[in-house]
Amino acid sequence: VKPDQHKSYPCSYKDCNEKELLPVLCPYCEKHFCLR
């Protein structure tokens, strides 16, 4: 992976625009979320 191709993971919660560099996956609904 090149630096300019680094993937981010947007939060799936409504109206939240935060992104994480690593996946924060809920094991129940299997969606990505921010730390908060």
PDB file of all heavy atoms in Angstrom:
ATOM      1  N   VAL A   1       0.833  -1.198   0.000  1.00  0.00           N
ATOM      2  CA  VAL A   1       0.000   0.000   0.000  1.00  0.00           C
ATOM      3  C   VAL A   1       0.868   1.248   0.000  1.00  0.00           C
ATOM      4  O   VAL A   1       1.721   1.423   0.864  1.00  0.00           O
ATOM      5  CB  VAL A   1      -0.921   0.023   1.241  1.00  0.00           C
ATOM      6  CG1 VAL A   1      -1.788   1.277   1.228  1.00  0.00           C
ATOM      7  CG2 VAL A   1      -1.781  -1.231   1.269  1.00  0.00           C
ATOM      8  N   LYS A   2       0.685   2.091  -0.935  1.00  0.00           N
ATOM      9  CA  LYS A   2       1.402   3.353  -1.005  1.00  0.00           C
ATOM     10  C   LYS A   2       0.782   4.356  -0.043  1.00  0.00           C
ATOM     11  O   LYS A   2      -0.411   4.290   0.239  1.00  0.00           O
ATOM     12  CB  LYS A   2       1.345   3.900  -2.436  1.00  0.00           C
ATOM     13  CG  LYS A   2       2.036   2.993  -3.447  1.00  0.00           C
ATOM     14  CD  LYS A   2       1.953   3.576  -4.834  1.00  0.00           C
ATOM     15  CE  LYS A   2       2.657   2.668  -5.846  1.00  0.00           C
ATOM     16  NZ  LYS A   2       2.559   3.212  -7.206  1.00  0.00           N
ATOM     17  N   PRO A   3       1.589   5.331   0.426  1.00  0.00           N
ATOM     18  CA  PRO A   3       1.059   6.294   1.402  1.00  0.00           C
ATOM     19  C   PRO A   3      -0.185   7.020   0.935  1.00  0.00           C
ATOM     20  O   PRO A   3      -1.093   7.272   1.692  1.00  0.00           O
ATOM     21  CB  PRO A   3       2.238   7.257   1.605  1.00  0.00           C
ATOM     22  CG  PRO A   3       3.450   6.434   1.276  1.00  0.00           C
ATOM     23  CD  PRO A   3       3.019   5.502   0.177  1.00  0.00           C
ATOM     24  N   ASP A   4      -0.248   7.349  -0.343  1.00  0.00           N
ATOM     25  CA  ASP A   4      -1.395   8.106  -0.826  1.00  0.00           C
ATOM     26  C   ASP A   4      -2.619   7.214  -1.068  1.00  0.00           C
ATOM     27  O   ASP A   4      -3.671   7.703  -1.450  1.00  0.00           O
ATOM     28  CB  ASP A   4      -1.030   8.862  -2.107  1.00  0.00           C
ATOM     29  CG  ASP A   4      -0.585   7.931  -3.226  1.00  0.00           C
ATOM     30  OD1 ASP A   4      -0.377   6.722  -2.946  1.00  0.00           O
ATOM     31  OD2 ASP A   4      -0.450   8.392  -4.360  1.00  0.00           O
ATOM     32  N   GLN A   5      -2.443   5.909  -0.853  1.00  0.00           N
ATOM     33  CA  GLN A   5      -3.567   4.995  -1.032  1.00  0.00           C
ATOM     34  C   GLN A   5      -4.087   4.483   0.308  1.00  0.00           C
ATOM     35  O   GLN A   5      -4.864   3.547   0.348  1.00  0.00           O
ATOM     36  CB  GLN A   5      -3.132   3.793  -1.879  1.00  0.00           C
ATOM     37  CG  GLN A   5      -2.781   4.156  -3.326  1.00  0.00           C
ATOM     38  CD  GLN A   5      -2.284   2.950  -4.094  1.00  0.00           C
ATOM     39  OE1 GLN A   5      -1.684   2.044  -3.520  1.00  0.00           O
ATOM     40  NE2 GLN A   5      -2.536   2.921  -5.390  1.00  0.00           N
ATOM     41  N   HIS A   6      -3.639   5.092   1.400  1.00  0.00           N
ATOM     42  CA  HIS A   6      -4.034   4.620   2.733  1.00  0.00           C
ATOM     43  C   HIS A   6      -5.543   4.728   2.906  1.00  0.00           C
ATOM     44  O   HIS A   6      -6.138   5.763   2.645  1.00  0.00           O
ATOM     45  CB  HIS A   6      -3.331   5.438   3.811  1.00  0.00           C
ATOM     46  CG  HIS A   6      -3.502   4.856   5.168  1.00  0.00           C
ATOM     47  ND1 HIS A   6      -2.732   3.803   5.610  1.00  0.00           N
ATOM     48  CD2 HIS A   6      -4.368   5.149   6.162  1.00  0.00           C
ATOM     49  CE1 HIS A   6      -3.107   3.491   6.830  1.00  0.00           C
ATOM     50  NE2 HIS A   6      -4.100   4.288   7.187  1.00  0.00           N
ATOM     51  N   LYS A   7      -6.119   3.650   3.392  1.00  0.00           N
ATOM     52  CA  LYS A   7      -7.573   3.589   3.519  1.00  0.00           C
ATOM     53  C   LYS A   7      -8.024   4.099   4.877  1.00  0.00           C
ATOM     54  O   LYS A   7      -7.358   3.905   5.880  1.00  0.00           O
ATOM     55  CB  LYS A   7      -8.031   2.138   3.344  1.00  0.00           C
ATOM     56  CG  LYS A   7      -9.546   1.967   3.327  1.00  0.00           C
ATOM     57  CD  LYS A   7      -9.919   0.518   3.058  1.00  0.00           C
ATOM     58  CE  LYS A   7     -11.426   0.331   3.020  1.00  0.00           C
ATOM     59  NZ  LYS A   7     -11.803  -1.074   2.759  1.00  0.00           N
ATOM     60  N   SER A   8      -9.133   4.783   4.921  1.00  0.00           N
ATOM     61  CA  SER A   8      -9.733   5.219   6.183  1.00  0.00           C
ATOM     62  C   SER A   8     -11.121   4.603   6.299  1.00  0.00           C
ATOM     63  O   SER A   8     -11.718   4.187   5.315  1.00  0.00           O
ATOM     64  CB  SER A   8      -9.822   6.748   6.249  1.00  0.00           C
ATOM     65  OG  SER A   8     -10.645   7.246   5.209  1.00  0.00           O
ATOM     66  N   TYR A   9     -11.609   4.560   7.518  1.00  0.00           N
ATOM     67  CA  TYR A   9     -12.876   3.903   7.794  1.00  0.00           C
ATOM     68  C   TYR A   9     -13.856   4.904   8.402  1.00  0.00           C
ATOM     69  O   TYR A   9     -13.720   5.267   9.572  1.00  0.00           O
ATOM     70  CB  TYR A   9     -12.666   2.719   8.736  1.00  0.00           C
ATOM     71  CG  TYR A   9     -11.754   1.653   8.153  1.00  0.00           C
ATOM     72  CD1 TYR A   9     -10.370   1.774   8.254  1.00  0.00           C
ATOM     73  CD2 TYR A   9     -12.280   0.548   7.496  1.00  0.00           C
ATOM     74  CE1 TYR A   9      -9.529   0.811   7.712  1.00  0.00           C
ATOM     75  CE2 TYR A   9     -11.457  -0.424   6.949  1.00  0.00           C
ATOM     76  CZ  TYR A   9     -10.073  -0.288   7.055  1.00  0.00           C
ATOM     77  OH  TYR A   9      -9.254  -1.242   6.523  1.00  0.00           O
ATOM     78  N   PRO A  10     -14.829   5.377   7.630  1.00  0.00           N
ATOM     79  CA  PRO A  10     -15.798   6.358   8.145  1.00  0.00           C
ATOM     80  C   PRO A  10     -16.761   5.731   9.146  1.00  0.00           C
ATOM     81  O   PRO A  10     -17.107   4.556   9.048  1.00  0.00           O
ATOM     82  CB  PRO A  10     -16.542   6.818   6.877  1.00  0.00           C
ATOM     83  CG  PRO A  10     -16.422   5.662   5.934  1.00  0.00           C
ATOM     84  CD  PRO A  10     -15.077   5.054   6.205  1.00  0.00           C
ATOM     85  N   CYS A  11     -17.169   6.522  10.101  1.00  0.00           N
ATOM     86  CA  CYS A  11     -18.120   6.070  11.114  1.00  0.00           C
ATOM     87  C   CYS A  11     -19.512   5.923  10.491  1.00  0.00           C
ATOM     88  O   CYS A  11     -19.973   6.781   9.745  1.00  0.00           O
ATOM     89  CB  CYS A  11     -18.172   7.066  12.272  1.00  0.00           C
ATOM     90  SG  CYS A  11     -19.337   6.624  13.578  1.00  0.00           S
ATOM     91  N   SER A  12     -20.177   4.822  10.808  1.00  0.00           N
ATOM     92  CA  SER A  12     -21.503   4.536  10.256  1.00  0.00           C
ATOM     93  C   SER A  12     -22.634   5.183  11.043  1.00  0.00           C
ATOM     94  O   SER A  12     -23.793   5.117  10.635  1.00  0.00           O
ATOM     95  CB  SER A  12     -21.748   3.017  10.213  1.00  0.00           C
ATOM     96  OG  SER A  12     -20.783   2.372   9.410  1.00  0.00           O
ATOM     97  N   TYR A  13     -22.283   5.800  12.196  1.00  0.00           N
ATOM     98  CA  TYR A  13     -23.343   6.387  13.014  1.00  0.00           C
ATOM     99  C   TYR A  13     -23.894   7.643  12.338  1.00  0.00           C
ATOM    100  O   TYR A  13     -23.152   8.423  11.739  1.00  0.00           O
ATOM    101  CB  TYR A  13     -22.807   6.740  14.400  1.00  0.00           C
ATOM    102  CG  TYR A  13     -23.869   7.211  15.366  1.00  0.00           C
ATOM    103  CD1 TYR A  13     -24.890   6.360  15.772  1.00  0.00           C
ATOM    104  CD2 TYR A  13     -23.856   8.502  15.870  1.00  0.00           C
ATOM    105  CE1 TYR A  13     -25.867   6.776  16.652  1.00  0.00           C
ATOM    106  CE2 TYR A  13     -24.832   8.929  16.759  1.00  0.00           C
ATOM    107  CZ  TYR A  13     -25.830   8.076  17.145  1.00  0.00           C
ATOM    108  OH  TYR A  13     -26.798   8.498  18.015  1.00  0.00           O
ATOM    109  N   LYS A  14     -25.187   7.848  12.451  1.00  0.00           N
ATOM    110  CA  LYS A  14     -25.855   8.956  11.788  1.00  0.00           C
ATOM    111  C   LYS A  14     -25.231  10.302  12.158  1.00  0.00           C
ATOM    112  O   LYS A  14     -24.939  10.583  13.312  1.00  0.00           O
ATOM    113  CB  LYS A  14     -27.346   8.959  12.146  1.00  0.00           C
ATOM    114  CG  LYS A  14     -27.616   9.026  13.639  1.00  0.00           C
ATOM    115  CD  LYS A  14     -29.091   8.883  13.952  1.00  0.00           C
ATOM    116  CE  LYS A  14     -29.352   8.917  15.455  1.00  0.00           C
ATOM    117  NZ  LYS A  14     -30.772   8.729  15.787  1.00  0.00           N
ATOM    118  N   ASP A  15     -25.020  11.135  11.162  1.00  0.00           N
ATOM    119  CA  ASP A  15     -24.512  12.505  11.308  1.00  0.00           C
ATOM    120  C   ASP A  15     -23.100  12.584  11.867  1.00  0.00           C
ATOM    121  O   ASP A  15     -22.641  13.671  12.236  1.00  0.00           O
ATOM    122  CB  ASP A  15     -25.447  13.350  12.195  1.00  0.00           C
ATOM    123  CG  ASP A  15     -26.854  13.462  11.634  1.00  0.00           C
ATOM    124  OD1 ASP A  15     -26.973  13.464  10.392  1.00  0.00           O
ATOM    125  OD2 ASP A  15     -27.815  13.542  12.415  1.00  0.00           O
ATOM    126  N   CYS A  16     -22.378  11.454  11.945  1.00  0.00           N
ATOM    127  CA  CYS A  16     -20.992  11.489  12.422  1.00  0.00           C
ATOM    128  C   CYS A  16     -20.065  11.424  11.209  1.00  0.00           C
ATOM    129  O   CYS A  16     -20.186  10.539  10.367  1.00  0.00           O
ATOM    130  CB  CYS A  16     -20.701  10.322  13.364  1.00  0.00           C
ATOM    131  SG  CYS A  16     -19.003  10.347  13.994  1.00  0.00           S
ATOM    132  N   ASN A  17     -19.127  12.363  11.145  1.00  0.00           N
ATOM    133  CA  ASN A  17     -18.198  12.433  10.017  1.00  0.00           C
ATOM    134  C   ASN A  17     -16.788  11.979  10.373  1.00  0.00           C
ATOM    135  O   ASN A  17     -15.854  12.181   9.597  1.00  0.00           O
ATOM    136  CB  ASN A  17     -18.147  13.871   9.477  1.00  0.00           C
ATOM    137  CG  ASN A  17     -19.497  14.340   8.948  1.00  0.00           C
ATOM    138  OD1 ASN A  17     -20.197  13.579   8.271  1.00  0.00           O
ATOM    139  ND2 ASN A  17     -19.868  15.574   9.262  1.00  0.00           N
ATOM    140  N   GLU A  18     -16.628  11.390  11.547  1.00  0.00           N
ATOM    141  CA  GLU A  18     -15.302  10.950  11.978  1.00  0.00           C
ATOM    142  C   GLU A  18     -14.840   9.737  11.165  1.00  0.00           C
ATOM    143  O   GLU A  18     -15.643   8.940  10.683  1.00  0.00           O
ATOM    144  CB  GLU A  18     -15.323  10.584  13.464  1.00  0.00           C
ATOM    145  CG  GLU A  18     -15.548  11.759  14.393  1.00  0.00           C
ATOM    146  CD  GLU A  18     -14.398  12.753  14.356  1.00  0.00           C
ATOM    147  OE1 GLU A  18     -13.233  12.301  14.271  1.00  0.00           O
ATOM    148  OE2 GLU A  18     -14.662  13.968  14.387  1.00  0.00           O
ATOM    149  N   LYS A  19     -13.501   9.616  11.019  1.00  0.00           N
ATOM    150  CA  LYS A  19     -12.909   8.468  10.340  1.00  0.00           C
ATOM    151  C   LYS A  19     -11.779   7.913  11.191  1.00  0.00           C
ATOM    152  O   LYS A  19     -11.157   8.637  11.959  1.00  0.00           O
ATOM    153  CB  LYS A  19     -12.372   8.878   8.959  1.00  0.00           C
ATOM    154  CG  LYS A  19     -13.442   9.360   7.988  1.00  0.00           C
ATOM    155  CD  LYS A  19     -12.829   9.733   6.651  1.00  0.00           C
ATOM    156  CE  LYS A  19     -13.899  10.222   5.666  1.00  0.00           C
ATOM    157  NZ  LYS A  19     -13.309  10.595   4.360  1.00  0.00           N
ATOM    158  N   GLU A  20     -11.529   6.623  11.055  1.00  0.00           N
ATOM    159  CA  GLU A  20     -10.434   5.974  11.758  1.00  0.00           C
ATOM    160  C   GLU A  20      -9.483   5.345  10.749  1.00  0.00           C
ATOM    161  O   GLU A  20      -9.892   4.882   9.692  1.00  0.00           O
ATOM    162  CB  GLU A  20     -10.972   4.889  12.710  1.00  0.00           C
ATOM    163  CG  GLU A  20     -11.872   5.399  13.817  1.00  0.00           C
ATOM    164  CD  GLU A  20     -11.148   6.291  14.802  1.00  0.00           C
ATOM    165  OE1 GLU A  20      -9.905   6.181  14.915  1.00  0.00           O
ATOM    166  OE2 GLU A  20     -11.822   7.106  15.467  1.00  0.00           O
ATOM    167  N   LEU A  21      -8.186   5.346  11.078  1.00  0.00           N
ATOM    168  CA  LEU A  21      -7.189   4.752  10.185  1.00  0.00           C
ATOM    169  C   LEU A  21      -7.219   3.228  10.240  1.00  0.00           C
ATOM    170  O   LEU A  21      -6.796   2.556   9.306  1.00  0.00           O
ATOM    171  CB  LEU A  21      -5.793   5.262  10.561  1.00  0.00           C
ATOM    172  CG  LEU A  21      -5.581   6.770  10.401  1.00  0.00           C
ATOM    173  CD1 LEU A  21      -4.162   7.146  10.809  1.00  0.00           C
ATOM    174  CD2 LEU A  21      -5.859   7.204   8.965  1.00  0.00           C
ATOM    175  N   LEU A  22      -7.719   2.695  11.348  1.00  0.00           N
ATOM    176  CA  LEU A  22      -7.885   1.247  11.486  1.00  0.00           C
ATOM    177  C   LEU A  22      -9.368   0.929  11.658  1.00  0.00           C
ATOM    178  O   LEU A  22     -10.112   1.746  12.207  1.00  0.00           O
ATOM    179  CB  LEU A  22      -7.101   0.736  12.695  1.00  0.00           C
ATOM    180  CG  LEU A  22      -5.570   0.785  12.579  1.00  0.00           C
ATOM    181  CD1 LEU A  22      -4.945   0.343  13.896  1.00  0.00           C
ATOM    182  CD2 LEU A  22      -5.081  -0.100  11.451  1.00  0.00           C
ATOM    183  N   PRO A  23      -9.801  -0.238  11.224  1.00  0.00           N
ATOM    184  CA  PRO A  23     -11.225  -0.576  11.353  1.00  0.00           C
ATOM    185  C   PRO A  23     -11.653  -0.762  12.800  1.00  0.00           C
ATOM    186  O   PRO A  23     -10.974  -1.436  13.572  1.00  0.00           O
ATOM    187  CB  PRO A  23     -11.345  -1.893  10.570  1.00  0.00           C
ATOM    188  CG  PRO A  23      -9.980  -2.475  10.595  1.00  0.00           C
ATOM    189  CD  PRO A  23      -9.040  -1.311  10.552  1.00  0.00           C
ATOM    190  N   VAL A  24     -12.745  -0.124  13.170  1.00  0.00           N
ATOM    191  CA  VAL A  24     -13.370  -0.315  14.474  1.00  0.00           C
ATOM    192  C   VAL A  24     -14.720  -0.952  14.185  1.00  0.00           C
ATOM    193  O   VAL A  24     -15.704  -0.266  13.941  1.00  0.00           O
ATOM    194  CB  VAL A  24     -13.526   1.024  15.219  1.00  0.00           C
ATOM    195  CG1 VAL A  24     -14.116   0.795  16.604  1.00  0.00           C
ATOM    196  CG2 VAL A  24     -12.191   1.743  15.326  1.00  0.00           C
ATOM    197  N   LEU A  25     -14.733  -2.265  14.201  1.00  0.00           N
ATOM    198  CA  LEU A  25     -15.892  -3.014  13.720  1.00  0.00           C
ATOM    199  C   LEU A  25     -16.733  -3.521  14.883  1.00  0.00           C
ATOM    200  O   LEU A  25     -16.218  -4.151  15.802  1.00  0.00           O
ATOM    201  CB  LEU A  25     -15.418  -4.195  12.870  1.00  0.00           C
ATOM    202  CG  LEU A  25     -16.457  -4.936  12.047  1.00  0.00           C
ATOM    203  CD1 LEU A  25     -17.006  -4.048  10.947  1.00  0.00           C
ATOM    204  CD2 LEU A  25     -15.842  -6.195  11.439  1.00  0.00           C
ATOM    205  N   CYS A  26     -18.030  -3.226  14.837  1.00  0.00           N
ATOM    206  CA  CYS A  26     -18.956  -3.768  15.840  1.00  0.00           C
ATOM    207  C   CYS A  26     -19.201  -5.238  15.504  1.00  0.00           C
ATOM    208  O   CYS A  26     -19.654  -5.548  14.395  1.00  0.00           O
ATOM    209  CB  CYS A  26     -20.272  -2.995  15.840  1.00  0.00           C
ATOM    210  SG  CYS A  26     -21.546  -3.731  16.911  1.00  0.00           S
ATOM    211  N   PRO A  27     -18.887  -6.161  16.416  1.00  0.00           N
ATOM    212  CA  PRO A  27     -19.057  -7.586  16.104  1.00  0.00           C
ATOM    213  C   PRO A  27     -20.508  -8.034  16.029  1.00  0.00           C
ATOM    214  O   PRO A  27     -20.790  -9.152  15.636  1.00  0.00           O
ATOM    215  CB  PRO A  27     -18.339  -8.285  17.284  1.00  0.00           C
ATOM    216  CG  PRO A  27     -18.426  -7.308  18.399  1.00  0.00           C
ATOM    217  CD  PRO A  27     -18.347  -5.934  17.757  1.00  0.00           C
ATOM    218  N   TYR A  28     -21.432  -7.134  16.390  1.00  0.00           N
ATOM    219  CA  TYR A  28     -22.852  -7.494  16.393  1.00  0.00           C
ATOM    220  C   TYR A  28     -23.530  -7.078  15.082  1.00  0.00           C
ATOM    221  O   TYR A  28     -24.138  -7.891  14.402  1.00  0.00           O
ATOM    222  CB  TYR A  28     -23.546  -6.855  17.591  1.00  0.00           C
ATOM    223  CG  TYR A  28     -22.919  -7.252  18.896  1.00  0.00           C
ATOM    224  CD1 TYR A  28     -22.017  -6.409  19.549  1.00  0.00           C
ATOM    225  CD2 TYR A  28     -23.187  -8.486  19.480  1.00  0.00           C
ATOM    226  CE1 TYR A  28     -21.419  -6.785  20.745  1.00  0.00           C
ATOM    227  CE2 TYR A  28     -22.605  -8.875  20.674  1.00  0.00           C
ATOM    228  CZ  TYR A  28     -21.706  -8.018  21.301  1.00  0.00           C
ATOM    229  OH  TYR A  28     -21.110  -8.387  22.473  1.00  0.00           O
ATOM    230  N   CYS A  29     -23.415  -5.799  14.731  1.00  0.00           N
ATOM    231  CA  CYS A  29     -24.039  -5.341  13.474  1.00  0.00           C
ATOM    232  C   CYS A  29     -23.041  -5.332  12.318  1.00  0.00           C
ATOM    233  O   CYS A  29     -23.422  -5.094  11.169  1.00  0.00           O
ATOM    234  CB  CYS A  29     -24.656  -3.955  13.660  1.00  0.00           C
ATOM    235  SG  CYS A  29     -23.471  -2.635  14.024  1.00  0.00           S
ATOM    236  N   GLU A  30     -21.731  -5.547  12.635  1.00  0.00           N
ATOM    237  CA  GLU A  30     -20.659  -5.644  11.641  1.00  0.00           C
ATOM    238  C   GLU A  30     -20.496  -4.366  10.812  1.00  0.00           C
ATOM    239  O   GLU A  30     -20.156  -4.422   9.636  1.00  0.00           O
ATOM    240  CB  GLU A  30     -20.887  -6.855  10.731  1.00  0.00           C
ATOM    241  CG  GLU A  30     -20.900  -8.177  11.491  1.00  0.00           C
ATOM    242  CD  GLU A  30     -21.041  -9.380  10.576  1.00  0.00           C
ATOM    243  OE1 GLU A  30     -21.447  -9.188   9.409  1.00  0.00           O
ATOM    244  OE2 GLU A  30     -20.754 -10.503  11.027  1.00  0.00           O
ATOM    245  N   LYS A  31     -20.721  -3.227  11.446  1.00  0.00           N
ATOM    246  CA  LYS A  31     -20.506  -1.938  10.784  1.00  0.00           C
ATOM    247  C   LYS A  31     -19.309  -1.235  11.411  1.00  0.00           C
ATOM    248  O   LYS A  31     -18.946  -1.509  12.555  1.00  0.00           O
ATOM    249  CB  LYS A  31     -21.750  -1.056  10.907  1.00  0.00           C
ATOM    250  CG  LYS A  31     -22.968  -1.600  10.183  1.00  0.00           C
ATOM    251  CD  LYS A  31     -24.166  -0.672  10.352  1.00  0.00           C
ATOM    252  CE  LYS A  31     -25.396  -1.217   9.645  1.00  0.00           C
ATOM    253  NZ  LYS A  31     -26.585  -0.332   9.828  1.00  0.00           N
ATOM    254  N   HIS A  32     -18.702  -0.313  10.651  1.00  0.00           N
ATOM    255  CA  HIS A  32     -17.546   0.435  11.147  1.00  0.00           C
ATOM    256  C   HIS A  32     -18.009   1.683  11.902  1.00  0.00           C
ATOM    257  O   HIS A  32     -18.954   2.360  11.495  1.00  0.00           O
ATOM    258  CB  HIS A  32     -16.651   0.862   9.976  1.00  0.00           C
ATOM    259  CG  HIS A  32     -15.961  -0.286   9.302  1.00  0.00           C
ATOM    260  ND1 HIS A  32     -14.865  -0.902   9.833  1.00  0.00           N
ATOM    261  CD2 HIS A  32     -16.226  -0.930   8.137  1.00  0.00           C
ATOM    262  CE1 HIS A  32     -14.468  -1.881   9.032  1.00  0.00           C
ATOM    263  NE2 HIS A  32     -15.289  -1.921   7.996  1.00  0.00           N
ATOM    264  N   PHE A  33     -17.289   1.999  13.004  1.00  0.00           N
ATOM    265  CA  PHE A  33     -17.602   3.189  13.786  1.00  0.00           C
ATOM    266  C   PHE A  33     -16.317   3.854  14.265  1.00  0.00           C
ATOM    267  O   PHE A  33     -15.239   3.235  14.263  1.00  0.00           O
ATOM    268  CB  PHE A  33     -18.477   2.826  14.994  1.00  0.00           C
ATOM    269  CG  PHE A  33     -19.814   2.260  14.633  1.00  0.00           C
ATOM    270  CD1 PHE A  33     -20.022   0.892  14.588  1.00  0.00           C
ATOM    271  CD2 PHE A  33     -20.868   3.106  14.294  1.00  0.00           C
ATOM    272  CE1 PHE A  33     -21.252   0.364  14.224  1.00  0.00           C
ATOM    273  CE2 PHE A  33     -22.099   2.591  13.924  1.00  0.00           C
ATOM    274  CZ  PHE A  33     -22.294   1.223  13.888  1.00  0.00           C
ATOM    275  N   CYS A  34     -16.437   5.111  14.666  1.00  0.00           N
ATOM    276  CA  CYS A  34     -15.301   5.809  15.254  1.00  0.00           C
ATOM    277  C   CYS A  34     -15.167   5.369  16.715  1.00  0.00           C
ATOM    278  O   CYS A  34     -16.016   4.650  17.240  1.00  0.00           O
ATOM    279  CB  CYS A  34     -15.490   7.326  15.157  1.00  0.00           C
ATOM    280  SG  CYS A  34     -16.903   7.952  16.116  1.00  0.00           S
ATOM    281  N   LEU A  35     -14.104   5.800  17.372  1.00  0.00           N
ATOM    282  CA  LEU A  35     -13.868   5.379  18.760  1.00  0.00           C
ATOM    283  C   LEU A  35     -15.001   5.817  19.677  1.00  0.00           C
ATOM    284  O   LEU A  35     -15.378   5.111  20.602  1.00  0.00           O
ATOM    285  CB  LEU A  35     -12.543   5.962  19.257  1.00  0.00           C
ATOM    286  CG  LEU A  35     -11.278   5.369  18.633  1.00  0.00           C
ATOM    287  CD1 LEU A  35     -10.052   6.063  19.186  1.00  0.00           C
ATOM    288  CD2 LEU A  35     -11.195   3.875  18.882  1.00  0.00           C
ATOM    289  N   ARG A  36     -15.555   6.995  19.420  1.00  0.00           N
ATOM    290  CA  ARG A  36     -16.606   7.523  20.287  1.00  0.00           C
ATOM    291  C   ARG A  36     -17.885   6.696  20.199  1.00  0.00           C
ATOM    292  O   ARG A  36     -18.637   6.578  21.178  1.00  0.00           O
ATOM    293  CB  ARG A  36     -16.897   8.971  19.919  1.00  0.00           C
ATOM    294  CG  ARG A  36     -17.932   9.621  20.827  1.00  0.00           C
ATOM    295  CD  ARG A  36     -18.166  11.053  20.437  1.00  0.00           C
ATOM    296  NE  ARG A  36     -19.143  11.693  21.312  1.00  0.00           N
ATOM    297  CZ  ARG A  36     -19.617  12.909  21.134  1.00  0.00           C
ATOM    298  NH1 ARG A  36     -19.184  13.652  20.135  1.00  0.00           N
ATOM    299  NH2 ARG A  36     -20.515  13.413  21.967  1.00  0.00           N
TER     300      ARG A  36
END
